[in-house]
């Protein structure tokens, strides 16, 4: 996957996650891209653990699905809001 593709998918997945999780976030489009990219990593890792547990590897998963990126971004955003509300 090229860097431009990863940025575009990260932006779209992060934006969808921000729409799905209620509340207002205080970050811009660059952090939305980072949210989507990290969400893709988290979603891909969780997907590989759930659907192929016998093939666990510590390297980042290569096959990122768009749905997995959105799910991972939602998880990251919920954790971010929980940590932020405690401070």
PDB file of N, CA and C in Angstrom:
ATOM      1  N   UNK A   1       0.844  -1.161   0.000  1.00  0.00           N
ATOM      2  CA  UNK A   1       0.000   0.000   0.000  1.00  0.00           C
ATOM      3  C   UNK A   1       0.893   1.229   0.000  1.00  0.00           C
ATOM      4  N   UNK A   2       0.613   2.146  -0.882  1.00  0.00           N
ATOM      5  CA  UNK A   2       1.392   3.363  -0.963  1.00  0.00           C
ATOM      6  C   UNK A   2       1.035   4.338   0.141  1.00  0.00           C
ATOM      7  N   UNK A   3       1.911   5.284   0.369  1.00  0.00           N
ATOM      8  CA  UNK A   3       1.721   6.250   1.445  1.00  0.00           C
ATOM      9  C   UNK A   3       0.511   7.141   1.175  1.00  0.00           C
ATOM     10  N   UNK A   4       0.290   7.512  -0.078  1.00  0.00           N
ATOM     11  CA  UNK A   4      -0.863   8.354  -0.411  1.00  0.00           C
ATOM     12  C   UNK A   4      -2.161   7.598  -0.156  1.00  0.00           C
ATOM     13  N   UNK A   5      -2.210   6.340  -0.546  1.00  0.00           N
ATOM     14  CA  UNK A   5      -3.394   5.516  -0.299  1.00  0.00           C
ATOM     15  C   UNK A   5      -3.643   5.366   1.190  1.00  0.00           C
ATOM     16  N   UNK A   6      -2.581   5.153   1.965  1.00  0.00           N
ATOM     17  CA  UNK A   6      -2.722   5.005   3.405  1.00  0.00           C
ATOM     18  C   UNK A   6      -3.256   6.299   4.029  1.00  0.00           C
ATOM     19  N   UNK A   7      -2.799   7.445   3.549  1.00  0.00           N
ATOM     20  CA  UNK A   7      -3.273   8.729   4.072  1.00  0.00           C
ATOM     21  C   UNK A   7      -4.747   8.941   3.728  1.00  0.00           C
ATOM     22  N   UNK A   8      -5.138   8.623   2.504  1.00  0.00           N
ATOM     23  CA  UNK A   8      -6.531   8.813   2.089  1.00  0.00           C
ATOM     24  C   UNK A   8      -7.456   7.887   2.865  1.00  0.00           C
ATOM     25  N   UNK A   9      -7.085   6.614   2.977  1.00  0.00           N
ATOM     26  CA  UNK A   9      -7.910   5.670   3.735  1.00  0.00           C
ATOM     27  C   UNK A   9      -7.944   6.062   5.210  1.00  0.00           C
ATOM     28  N   UNK A  10      -6.816   6.525   5.747  1.00  0.00           N
ATOM     29  CA  UNK A  10      -6.783   6.984   7.130  1.00  0.00           C
ATOM     30  C   UNK A  10      -7.692   8.165   7.366  1.00  0.00           C
ATOM     31  N   UNK A  11      -7.710   9.117   6.420  1.00  0.00           N
ATOM     32  CA  UNK A  11      -8.583  10.282   6.539  1.00  0.00           C
ATOM     33  C   UNK A  11     -10.051   9.875   6.513  1.00  0.00           C
ATOM     34  N   UNK A  12     -10.409   9.010   5.589  1.00  0.00           N
ATOM     35  CA  UNK A  12     -11.808   8.584   5.477  1.00  0.00           C
ATOM     36  C   UNK A  12     -12.226   7.767   6.699  1.00  0.00           C
ATOM     37  N   UNK A  13     -11.395   6.807   7.118  1.00  0.00           N
ATOM     38  CA  UNK A  13     -11.729   5.975   8.283  1.00  0.00           C
ATOM     39  C   UNK A  13     -11.791   6.814   9.553  1.00  0.00           C
ATOM     40  N   UNK A  14     -10.864   7.744   9.720  1.00  0.00           N
ATOM     41  CA  UNK A  14     -10.882   8.618  10.895  1.00  0.00           C
ATOM     42  C   UNK A  14     -12.101   9.518  10.922  1.00  0.00           C
ATOM     43  N   UNK A  15     -12.483  10.047   9.758  1.00  0.00           N
ATOM     44  CA  UNK A  15     -13.659  10.916   9.679  1.00  0.00           C
ATOM     45  C   UNK A  15     -14.932  10.140   9.999  1.00  0.00           C
ATOM     46  N   UNK A  16     -15.042   8.925   9.491  1.00  0.00           N
ATOM     47  CA  UNK A  16     -16.217   8.102   9.787  1.00  0.00           C
ATOM     48  C   UNK A  16     -16.257   7.759  11.270  1.00  0.00           C
ATOM     49  N   UNK A  17     -15.098   7.450  11.863  1.00  0.00           N
ATOM     50  CA  UNK A  17     -15.057   7.149  13.299  1.00  0.00           C
ATOM     51  C   UNK A  17     -15.484   8.363  14.117  1.00  0.00           C
ATOM     52  N   UNK A  18     -15.053   9.552  13.694  1.00  0.00           N
ATOM     53  CA  UNK A  18     -15.450  10.770  14.408  1.00  0.00           C
ATOM     54  C   UNK A  18     -16.947  11.012  14.289  1.00  0.00           C
ATOM     55  N   UNK A  19     -17.556  10.606  13.185  1.00  0.00           N
ATOM     56  CA  UNK A  19     -19.002  10.735  13.039  1.00  0.00           C
ATOM     57  C   UNK A  19     -19.756   9.721  13.894  1.00  0.00           C
ATOM     58  N   UNK A  20     -19.182   8.534  14.062  1.00  0.00           N
ATOM     59  CA  UNK A  20     -19.860   7.472  14.805  1.00  0.00           C
ATOM     60  C   UNK A  20     -19.789   7.655  16.321  1.00  0.00           C
ATOM     61  N   UNK A  21     -18.706   8.224  16.817  1.00  0.00           N
ATOM     62  CA  UNK A  21     -18.533   8.402  18.254  1.00  0.00           C
ATOM     63  C   UNK A  21     -19.093   9.771  18.628  1.00  0.00           C
ATOM     64  N   UNK A  22     -20.068   9.794  19.563  1.00  0.00           N
ATOM     65  CA  UNK A  22     -20.674  11.081  19.913  1.00  0.00           C
ATOM     66  C   UNK A  22     -19.700  11.995  20.656  1.00  0.00           C
ATOM     67  N   UNK A  23     -19.936  13.287  20.538  1.00  0.00           N
ATOM     68  CA  UNK A  23     -19.101  14.272  21.210  1.00  0.00           C
ATOM     69  C   UNK A  23     -18.220  15.010  20.226  1.00  0.00           C
ATOM     70  N   UNK A  24     -17.582  16.063  20.735  1.00  0.00           N
ATOM     71  CA  UNK A  24     -16.725  16.898  19.893  1.00  0.00           C
ATOM     72  C   UNK A  24     -15.262  16.637  20.231  1.00  0.00           C
ATOM     73  N   UNK A  25     -14.436  16.512  19.215  1.00  0.00           N
ATOM     74  CA  UNK A  25     -13.000  16.342  19.396  1.00  0.00           C
ATOM     75  C   UNK A  25     -12.314  17.665  19.053  1.00  0.00           C
ATOM     76  N   UNK A  26     -11.221  17.926  19.726  1.00  0.00           N
ATOM     77  CA  UNK A  26     -10.504  19.185  19.525  1.00  0.00           C
ATOM     78  C   UNK A  26      -9.274  19.008  18.647  1.00  0.00           C
ATOM     79  N   UNK A  27      -9.355  18.168  17.621  1.00  0.00           N
ATOM     80  CA  UNK A  27      -8.215  18.027  16.731  1.00  0.00           C
ATOM     81  C   UNK A  27      -8.663  18.147  15.281  1.00  0.00           C
ATOM     82  N   UNK A  28      -7.708  18.470  14.415  1.00  0.00           N
ATOM     83  CA  UNK A  28      -7.986  18.753  13.014  1.00  0.00           C
ATOM     84  C   UNK A  28      -7.842  17.548  12.111  1.00  0.00           C
ATOM     85  N   UNK A  29      -7.663  17.843  10.839  1.00  0.00           N
ATOM     86  CA  UNK A  29      -7.645  16.776   9.840  1.00  0.00           C
ATOM     87  C   UNK A  29      -6.375  15.940   9.890  1.00  0.00           C
ATOM     88  N   UNK A  30      -5.264  16.498  10.334  1.00  0.00           N
ATOM     89  CA  UNK A  30      -4.031  15.699  10.433  1.00  0.00           C
ATOM     90  C   UNK A  30      -4.184  14.635  11.519  1.00  0.00           C
ATOM     91  N   UNK A  31      -4.748  15.017  12.654  1.00  0.00           N
ATOM     92  CA  UNK A  31      -4.977  14.031  13.709  1.00  0.00           C
ATOM     93  C   UNK A  31      -6.063  13.035  13.310  1.00  0.00           C
ATOM     94  N   UNK A  32      -6.989  13.461  12.447  1.00  0.00           N
ATOM     95  CA  UNK A  32      -7.990  12.527  11.926  1.00  0.00           C
ATOM     96  C   UNK A  32      -7.319  11.472  11.053  1.00  0.00           C
ATOM     97  N   UNK A  33      -6.338  11.882  10.246  1.00  0.00           N
ATOM     98  CA  UNK A  33      -5.579  10.923   9.432  1.00  0.00           C
ATOM     99  C   UNK A  33      -4.811   9.961  10.338  1.00  0.00           C
ATOM    100  N   UNK A  34      -4.149  10.496  11.361  1.00  0.00           N
ATOM    101  CA  UNK A  34      -3.405   9.647  12.294  1.00  0.00           C
ATOM    102  C   UNK A  34      -4.355   8.681  12.991  1.00  0.00           C
ATOM    103  N   UNK A  35      -5.535   9.165  13.393  1.00  0.00           N
ATOM    104  CA  UNK A  35      -6.541   8.305  14.018  1.00  0.00           C
ATOM    105  C   UNK A  35      -6.920   7.156  13.087  1.00  0.00           C
ATOM    106  N   UNK A  36      -7.140   7.441  11.811  1.00  0.00           N
ATOM    107  CA  UNK A  36      -7.511   6.403  10.854  1.00  0.00           C
ATOM    108  C   UNK A  36      -6.390   5.415  10.599  1.00  0.00           C
ATOM    109  N   UNK A  37      -5.143   5.891  10.517  1.00  0.00           N
ATOM    110  CA  UNK A  37      -4.010   4.994  10.278  1.00  0.00           C
ATOM    111  C   UNK A  37      -3.774   4.089  11.483  1.00  0.00           C
ATOM    112  N   UNK A  38      -3.785   4.675  12.677  1.00  0.00           N
ATOM    113  CA  UNK A  38      -3.617   3.865  13.892  1.00  0.00           C
ATOM    114  C   UNK A  38      -4.809   2.926  14.055  1.00  0.00           C
ATOM    115  N   UNK A  39      -5.997   3.407  13.712  1.00  0.00           N
ATOM    116  CA  UNK A  39      -7.177   2.553  13.753  1.00  0.00           C
ATOM    117  C   UNK A  39      -7.074   1.379  12.801  1.00  0.00           C
ATOM    118  N   UNK A  40      -6.475   1.599  11.628  1.00  0.00           N
ATOM    119  CA  UNK A  40      -6.253   0.496  10.691  1.00  0.00           C
ATOM    120  C   UNK A  40      -5.306  -0.541  11.262  1.00  0.00           C
ATOM    121  N   UNK A  41      -4.286  -0.082  11.956  1.00  0.00           N
ATOM    122  CA  UNK A  41      -3.349  -1.013  12.585  1.00  0.00           C
ATOM    123  C   UNK A  41      -4.052  -1.803  13.686  1.00  0.00           C
ATOM    124  N   UNK A  42      -4.795  -1.109  14.537  1.00  0.00           N
ATOM    125  CA  UNK A  42      -5.495  -1.776  15.640  1.00  0.00           C
ATOM    126  C   UNK A  42      -6.555  -2.733  15.098  1.00  0.00           C
ATOM    127  N   UNK A  43      -7.339  -2.265  14.135  1.00  0.00           N
ATOM    128  CA  UNK A  43      -8.367  -3.120  13.547  1.00  0.00           C
ATOM    129  C   UNK A  43      -7.795  -4.327  12.831  1.00  0.00           C
ATOM    130  N   UNK A  44      -6.693  -4.135  12.119  1.00  0.00           N
ATOM    131  CA  UNK A  44      -6.044  -5.263  11.442  1.00  0.00           C
ATOM    132  C   UNK A  44      -5.465  -6.262  12.420  1.00  0.00           C
ATOM    133  N   UNK A  45      -4.877  -5.757  13.509  1.00  0.00           N
ATOM    134  CA  UNK A  45      -4.322  -6.651  14.521  1.00  0.00           C
ATOM    135  C   UNK A  45      -5.426  -7.434  15.214  1.00  0.00           C
ATOM    136  N   UNK A  46      -6.499  -6.753  15.608  1.00  0.00           N
ATOM    137  CA  UNK A  46      -7.616  -7.449  16.251  1.00  0.00           C
ATOM    138  C   UNK A  46      -8.262  -8.449  15.297  1.00  0.00           C
ATOM    139  N   UNK A  47      -8.384  -8.070  14.036  1.00  0.00           N
ATOM    140  CA  UNK A  47      -8.945  -8.995  13.054  1.00  0.00           C
ATOM    141  C   UNK A  47      -8.087 -10.227  12.868  1.00  0.00           C
ATOM    142  N   UNK A  48      -6.774 -10.057  12.884  1.00  0.00           N
ATOM    143  CA  UNK A  48      -5.902 -11.228  12.728  1.00  0.00           C
ATOM    144  C   UNK A  48      -5.935 -12.104  13.974  1.00  0.00           C
ATOM    145  N   UNK A  49      -6.142 -11.503  15.143  1.00  0.00           N
ATOM    146  CA  UNK A  49      -6.251 -12.297  16.363  1.00  0.00           C
ATOM    147  C   UNK A  49      -7.561 -13.067  16.423  1.00  0.00           C
ATOM    148  N   UNK A  50      -8.636 -12.462  15.930  1.00  0.00           N
ATOM    149  CA  UNK A  50      -9.949 -13.099  15.985  1.00  0.00           C
ATOM    150  C   UNK A  50     -10.099 -14.152  14.891  1.00  0.00           C
ATOM    151  N   UNK A  51      -9.688 -13.823  13.673  1.00  0.00           N
ATOM    152  CA  UNK A  51      -9.956 -14.707  12.546  1.00  0.00           C
ATOM    153  C   UNK A  51      -8.814 -15.659  12.214  1.00  0.00           C
ATOM    154  N   UNK A  52      -7.618 -15.422  12.724  1.00  0.00           N
ATOM    155  CA  UNK A  52      -6.488 -16.318  12.469  1.00  0.00           C
ATOM    156  C   UNK A  52      -5.583 -16.361  13.704  1.00  0.00           C
ATOM    157  N   UNK A  53      -6.089 -16.844  14.835  1.00  0.00           N
ATOM    158  CA  UNK A  53      -5.293 -16.799  16.063  1.00  0.00           C
ATOM    159  C   UNK A  53      -4.052 -17.687  16.024  1.00  0.00           C
ATOM    160  N   UNK A  54      -4.044 -18.703  15.192  1.00  0.00           N
ATOM    161  CA  UNK A  54      -2.887 -19.585  15.116  1.00  0.00           C
ATOM    162  C   UNK A  54      -1.741 -18.965  14.315  1.00  0.00           C
ATOM    163  N   UNK A  55      -1.992 -17.849  13.643  1.00  0.00           N
ATOM    164  CA  UNK A  55      -0.970 -17.185  12.844  1.00  0.00           C
ATOM    165  C   UNK A  55      -0.561 -15.851  13.465  1.00  0.00           C
ATOM    166  N   UNK A  56      -0.522 -15.756  14.789  1.00  0.00           N
ATOM    167  CA  UNK A  56      -0.188 -14.494  15.456  1.00  0.00           C
ATOM    168  C   UNK A  56       1.253 -14.115  15.165  1.00  0.00           C
ATOM    169  N   UNK A  57       1.434 -12.855  14.802  1.00  0.00           N
ATOM    170  CA  UNK A  57       2.744 -12.319  14.488  1.00  0.00           C
ATOM    171  C   UNK A  57       2.794 -10.892  15.007  1.00  0.00           C
ATOM    172  N   UNK A  58       3.934 -10.461  15.530  1.00  0.00           N
ATOM    173  CA  UNK A  58       4.053  -9.126  16.093  1.00  0.00           C
ATOM    174  C   UNK A  58       4.229  -8.042  15.036  1.00  0.00           C
ATOM    175  N   UNK A  59       4.496  -8.425  13.812  1.00  0.00           N
ATOM    176  CA  UNK A  59       4.607  -7.432  12.746  1.00  0.00           C
ATOM    177  C   UNK A  59       3.232  -6.857  12.432  1.00  0.00           C
ATOM    178  N   UNK A  60       3.169  -5.610  11.944  1.00  0.00           N
ATOM    179  CA  UNK A  60       1.864  -5.047  11.603  1.00  0.00           C
ATOM    180  C   UNK A  60       1.219  -5.837  10.480  1.00  0.00           C
ATOM    181  N   UNK A  61      -0.089  -6.027  10.543  1.00  0.00           N
ATOM    182  CA  UNK A  61      -0.766  -6.792   9.498  1.00  0.00           C
ATOM    183  C   UNK A  61      -0.740  -6.051   8.165  1.00  0.00           C
ATOM    184  N   UNK A  62      -0.558  -6.780   7.107  1.00  0.00           N
ATOM    185  CA  UNK A  62      -0.456  -6.183   5.780  1.00  0.00           C
ATOM    186  C   UNK A  62      -1.843  -5.938   5.205  1.00  0.00           C
ATOM    187  N   UNK A  63      -2.766  -6.851   5.436  1.00  0.00           N
ATOM    188  CA  UNK A  63      -4.101  -6.745   4.858  1.00  0.00           C
ATOM    189  C   UNK A  63      -4.995  -5.938   5.795  1.00  0.00           C
ATOM    190  N   UNK A  64      -5.038  -4.623   5.578  1.00  0.00           N
ATOM    191  CA  UNK A  64      -5.940  -3.779   6.356  1.00  0.00           C
ATOM    192  C   UNK A  64      -7.255  -3.682   5.605  1.00  0.00           C
ATOM    193  N   UNK A  65      -8.329  -4.012   6.293  1.00  0.00           N
ATOM    194  CA  UNK A  65      -9.621  -3.814   5.661  1.00  0.00           C
ATOM    195  C   UNK A  65     -10.163  -2.456   6.081  1.00  0.00           C
ATOM    196  N   UNK A  66     -10.976  -1.898   5.246  1.00  0.00           N
ATOM    197  CA  UNK A  66     -11.536  -0.580   5.516  1.00  0.00           C
ATOM    198  C   UNK A  66     -12.445  -0.631   6.742  1.00  0.00           C
ATOM    199  N   UNK A  67     -13.245  -1.672   6.856  1.00  0.00           N
ATOM    200  CA  UNK A  67     -14.127  -1.824   8.018  1.00  0.00           C
ATOM    201  C   UNK A  67     -13.297  -1.992   9.285  1.00  0.00           C
ATOM    202  N   UNK A  68     -12.232  -2.759   9.211  1.00  0.00           N
ATOM    203  CA  UNK A  68     -11.341  -2.926  10.363  1.00  0.00           C
ATOM    204  C   UNK A  68     -10.700  -1.616  10.779  1.00  0.00           C
ATOM    205  N   UNK A  69     -10.354  -0.773   9.806  1.00  0.00           N
ATOM    206  CA  UNK A  69      -9.775   0.535  10.115  1.00  0.00           C
ATOM    207  C   UNK A  69     -10.786   1.415  10.832  1.00  0.00           C
ATOM    208  N   UNK A  70     -12.027   1.365  10.409  1.00  0.00           N
ATOM    209  CA  UNK A  70     -13.064   2.157  11.069  1.00  0.00           C
ATOM    210  C   UNK A  70     -13.301   1.649  12.482  1.00  0.00           C
ATOM    211  N   UNK A  71     -13.398   0.332  12.651  1.00  0.00           N
ATOM    212  CA  UNK A  71     -13.609  -0.241  13.983  1.00  0.00           C
ATOM    213  C   UNK A  71     -12.437   0.093  14.901  1.00  0.00           C
ATOM    214  N   UNK A  72     -11.228  -0.040  14.400  1.00  0.00           N
ATOM    215  CA  UNK A  72     -10.051   0.301  15.194  1.00  0.00           C
ATOM    216  C   UNK A  72     -10.010   1.772  15.556  1.00  0.00           C
ATOM    217  N   UNK A  73     -10.384   2.641  14.618  1.00  0.00           N
ATOM    218  CA  UNK A  73     -10.400   4.079  14.897  1.00  0.00           C
ATOM    219  C   UNK A  73     -11.459   4.430  15.934  1.00  0.00           C
ATOM    220  N   UNK A  74     -12.602   3.761  15.890  1.00  0.00           N
ATOM    221  CA  UNK A  74     -13.635   3.982  16.903  1.00  0.00           C
ATOM    222  C   UNK A  74     -13.119   3.561  18.277  1.00  0.00           C
ATOM    223  N   UNK A  75     -12.436   2.430  18.349  1.00  0.00           N
ATOM    224  CA  UNK A  75     -11.876   1.954  19.616  1.00  0.00           C
ATOM    225  C   UNK A  75     -10.854   2.959  20.148  1.00  0.00           C
ATOM    226  N   UNK A  76      -9.954   3.416  19.295  1.00  0.00           N
ATOM    227  CA  UNK A  76      -8.937   4.394  19.705  1.00  0.00           C
ATOM    228  C   UNK A  76      -9.593   5.690  20.166  1.00  0.00           C
ATOM    229  N   UNK A  77     -10.617   6.142  19.463  1.00  0.00           N
ATOM    230  CA  UNK A  77     -11.296   7.387  19.821  1.00  0.00           C
ATOM    231  C   UNK A  77     -12.022   7.261  21.163  1.00  0.00           C
ATOM    232  N   UNK A  78     -12.633   6.127  21.416  1.00  0.00           N
ATOM    233  CA  UNK A  78     -13.305   5.904  22.708  1.00  0.00           C
ATOM    234  C   UNK A  78     -12.279   5.895  23.839  1.00  0.00           C
ATOM    235  N   UNK A  79     -11.153   5.234  23.623  1.00  0.00           N
ATOM    236  CA  UNK A  79     -10.091   5.223  24.636  1.00  0.00           C
ATOM    237  C   UNK A  79      -9.553   6.634  24.850  1.00  0.00           C
ATOM    238  N   UNK A  80      -9.352   7.378  23.778  1.00  0.00           N
ATOM    239  CA  UNK A  80      -8.864   8.760  23.877  1.00  0.00           C
ATOM    240  C   UNK A  80      -9.814   9.621  24.714  1.00  0.00           C
ATOM    241  N   UNK A  81     -11.114   9.490  24.449  1.00  0.00           N
ATOM    242  CA  UNK A  81     -12.086  10.284  25.203  1.00  0.00           C
ATOM    243  C   UNK A  81     -12.140   9.872  26.659  1.00  0.00           C
ATOM    244  N   UNK A  82     -12.000   8.573  26.941  1.00  0.00           N
ATOM    245  CA  UNK A  82     -12.013   8.113  28.330  1.00  0.00           C
ATOM    246  C   UNK A  82     -10.810   8.642  29.100  1.00  0.00           C
ATOM    247  N   UNK A  83      -9.652   8.607  28.491  1.00  0.00           N
ATOM    248  CA  UNK A  83      -8.427   9.105  29.146  1.00  0.00           C
ATOM    249  C   UNK A  83      -8.505  10.622  29.285  1.00  0.00           C
ATOM    250  N   UNK A  84      -8.975  11.302  28.282  1.00  0.00           N
ATOM    251  CA  UNK A  84      -9.063  12.757  28.310  1.00  0.00           C
ATOM    252  C   UNK A  84     -10.057  13.248  29.353  1.00  0.00           C
ATOM    253  N   UNK A  85     -11.141  12.510  29.571  1.00  0.00           N
ATOM    254  CA  UNK A  85     -12.153  12.948  30.542  1.00  0.00           C
ATOM    255  C   UNK A  85     -11.658  12.784  31.976  1.00  0.00           C
ATOM    256  N   UNK A  86     -10.678  11.937  32.212  1.00  0.00           N
ATOM    257  CA  UNK A  86     -10.125  11.737  33.559  1.00  0.00           C
ATOM    258  C   UNK A  86      -9.173  12.836  33.969  1.00  0.00           C
ATOM    259  N   UNK A  87      -8.623  13.571  32.998  1.00  0.00           N
ATOM    260  CA  UNK A  87      -7.670  14.622  33.340  1.00  0.00           C
ATOM    261  C   UNK A  87      -8.316  15.963  33.481  1.00  0.00           C
TER     262      UNK A  87
END
